[in-house]
Amino acid sequence: MRLVFLGKFGELAPESLHSPALPDGVRTLADLKGWIARQSPPLGRAMALTTTRVAVNQALVRDLSHPVAAGDEIAFLPPMSGG
């Protein structure tokens, strides 16, 4: 599994979270977000926003019940701002 943390998330994510083995009990994006929050509470708090976007294998996914697998690339995109 490869995890990609963009923007502010990248600043908060410890290096150990970028290429973890698929943790036991993690089967969905919701499970994965919970696991990440336990590994890095500051990152977990930042990612708890409802405007956080997630891409699995370069495709945006809205449903956190989406399954994850060991070979997936999962990217977390922070809320965008600008004008």
C-alpha atoms as a PDB file:
ATOM      1  CA  MET A   1       0.000   0.000   0.000  1.00  0.00           C
ATOM      2  CA  ARG A   2       1.241   3.468  -0.814  1.00  0.00           C
ATOM      3  CA  LEU A   3      -0.251   6.451   0.969  1.00  0.00           C
ATOM      4  CA  VAL A   4       0.107   9.942  -0.476  1.00  0.00           C
ATOM      5  CA  PHE A   5      -0.590  12.984   1.674  1.00  0.00           C
ATOM      6  CA  LEU A   6      -0.920  16.234  -0.256  1.00  0.00           C
ATOM      7  CA  GLY A   7      -0.721  19.835   0.952  1.00  0.00           C
ATOM      8  CA  LYS A   8      -0.986  20.320   4.700  1.00  0.00           C
ATOM      9  CA  PHE A   9      -1.496  16.597   5.176  1.00  0.00           C
ATOM     10  CA  GLY A  10       2.004  16.015   3.796  1.00  0.00           C
ATOM     11  CA  GLU A  11       3.437  18.363   6.406  1.00  0.00           C
ATOM     12  CA  LEU A  12       1.700  16.451   9.210  1.00  0.00           C
ATOM     13  CA  ALA A  13       2.277  12.873   8.021  1.00  0.00           C
ATOM     14  CA  PRO A  14       5.243  11.020   9.503  1.00  0.00           C
ATOM     15  CA  GLU A  15       7.411   9.219   6.945  1.00  0.00           C
ATOM     16  CA  SER A  16       6.388   5.852   8.424  1.00  0.00           C
ATOM     17  CA  LEU A  17       2.846   6.351   7.083  1.00  0.00           C
ATOM     18  CA  HIS A  18       3.815   6.640   3.425  1.00  0.00           C
ATOM     19  CA  SER A  19       4.335   2.926   2.689  1.00  0.00           C
ATOM     20  CA  PRO A  20       2.776   0.858   5.464  1.00  0.00           C
ATOM     21  CA  ALA A  21       1.823  -2.779   5.221  1.00  0.00           C
ATOM     22  CA  LEU A  22      -1.956  -3.105   5.130  1.00  0.00           C
ATOM     23  CA  PRO A  23      -2.821  -2.993   8.843  1.00  0.00           C
ATOM     24  CA  ASP A  24      -4.852  -5.853  10.331  1.00  0.00           C
ATOM     25  CA  GLY A  25      -8.552  -5.064  10.357  1.00  0.00           C
ATOM     26  CA  VAL A  26      -8.302  -2.321   7.726  1.00  0.00           C
ATOM     27  CA  ARG A  27     -10.697  -3.183   4.926  1.00  0.00           C
ATOM     28  CA  THR A  28     -12.248   0.159   3.950  1.00  0.00           C
ATOM     29  CA  LEU A  29     -11.245   3.805   3.595  1.00  0.00           C
ATOM     30  CA  ALA A  30     -13.047   4.540   6.866  1.00  0.00           C
ATOM     31  CA  ASP A  31     -10.965   1.868   8.612  1.00  0.00           C
ATOM     32  CA  LEU A  32      -7.806   3.325   7.076  1.00  0.00           C
ATOM     33  CA  LYS A  33      -8.641   6.882   8.168  1.00  0.00           C
ATOM     34  CA  GLY A  34      -9.220   5.604  11.706  1.00  0.00           C
ATOM     35  CA  TRP A  35      -5.897   3.753  11.689  1.00  0.00           C
ATOM     36  CA  ILE A  36      -4.077   6.866  10.408  1.00  0.00           C
ATOM     37  CA  ALA A  37      -5.697   8.967  13.157  1.00  0.00           C
ATOM     38  CA  ARG A  38      -4.388   6.543  15.784  1.00  0.00           C
ATOM     39  CA  GLN A  39      -0.865   6.660  14.299  1.00  0.00           C
ATOM     40  CA  SER A  40      -0.799  10.478  14.047  1.00  0.00           C
ATOM     41  CA  PRO A  41      -3.535  12.299  15.997  1.00  0.00           C
ATOM     42  CA  PRO A  42      -2.679  15.728  14.483  1.00  0.00           C
ATOM     43  CA  LEU A  43      -3.005  14.283  10.977  1.00  0.00           C
ATOM     44  CA  GLY A  44      -6.195  12.464  11.968  1.00  0.00           C
ATOM     45  CA  ARG A  45      -7.748  15.703  13.220  1.00  0.00           C
ATOM     46  CA  ALA A  46      -6.816  17.521  10.014  1.00  0.00           C
ATOM     47  CA  MET A  47      -8.241  14.709   7.875  1.00  0.00           C
ATOM     48  CA  ALA A  48     -11.507  14.586   9.843  1.00  0.00           C
ATOM     49  CA  LEU A  49     -12.905  17.491   7.828  1.00  0.00           C
ATOM     50  CA  THR A  50     -15.785  16.446   5.605  1.00  0.00           C
ATOM     51  CA  THR A  51     -14.160  18.301   2.706  1.00  0.00           C
ATOM     52  CA  THR A  52     -11.143  15.960   2.676  1.00  0.00           C
ATOM     53  CA  ARG A  53     -10.994  14.127  -0.658  1.00  0.00           C
ATOM     54  CA  VAL A  54      -9.623  10.626  -1.179  1.00  0.00           C
ATOM     55  CA  ALA A  55      -8.360   9.041  -4.385  1.00  0.00           C
ATOM     56  CA  VAL A  56      -7.812   5.307  -4.747  1.00  0.00           C
ATOM     57  CA  ASN A  57      -5.525   4.367  -7.611  1.00  0.00           C
ATOM     58  CA  GLN A  58      -5.898   7.904  -9.005  1.00  0.00           C
ATOM     59  CA  ALA A  59      -9.717   7.879  -9.015  1.00  0.00           C
ATOM     60  CA  LEU A  60     -11.646  10.095  -6.592  1.00  0.00           C
ATOM     61  CA  VAL A  61     -13.817   8.105  -4.202  1.00  0.00           C
ATOM     62  CA  ARG A  62     -16.602   9.640  -2.116  1.00  0.00           C
ATOM     63  CA  ASP A  63     -17.783   6.579  -0.208  1.00  0.00           C
ATOM     64  CA  LEU A  64     -15.609   5.752   2.805  1.00  0.00           C
ATOM     65  CA  SER A  65     -16.934   2.181   2.732  1.00  0.00           C
ATOM     66  CA  HIS A  66     -14.846   1.720  -0.451  1.00  0.00           C
ATOM     67  CA  PRO A  67     -12.563  -1.316   0.021  1.00  0.00           C
ATOM     68  CA  VAL A  68      -8.779  -0.975   0.190  1.00  0.00           C
ATOM     69  CA  ALA A  69      -6.169  -3.572  -0.754  1.00  0.00           C
ATOM     70  CA  ALA A  70      -2.454  -4.056  -0.165  1.00  0.00           C
ATOM     71  CA  GLY A  71      -1.471  -2.897  -3.678  1.00  0.00           C
ATOM     72  CA  ASP A  72      -3.531   0.318  -3.668  1.00  0.00           C
ATOM     73  CA  GLU A  73      -2.232   3.857  -3.901  1.00  0.00           C
ATOM     74  CA  ILE A  74      -4.400   6.032  -1.697  1.00  0.00           C
ATOM     75  CA  ALA A  75      -4.073   9.805  -1.811  1.00  0.00           C
ATOM     76  CA  PHE A  76      -5.540  12.203   0.724  1.00  0.00           C
ATOM     77  CA  LEU A  77      -6.288  15.672  -0.626  1.00  0.00           C
ATOM     78  CA  PRO A  78      -6.924  18.556   1.763  1.00  0.00           C
ATOM     79  CA  PRO A  79      -9.699  21.086   1.219  1.00  0.00           C
ATOM     80  CA  MET A  80      -8.864  23.534  -1.539  1.00  0.00           C
ATOM     81  CA  SER A  81      -8.981  27.273  -1.161  1.00  0.00           C
ATOM     82  CA  GLY A  82      -8.497  30.113  -3.519  1.00  0.00           C
ATOM     83  CA  GLY A  83     -10.440  32.437  -5.659  1.00  0.00           C
END
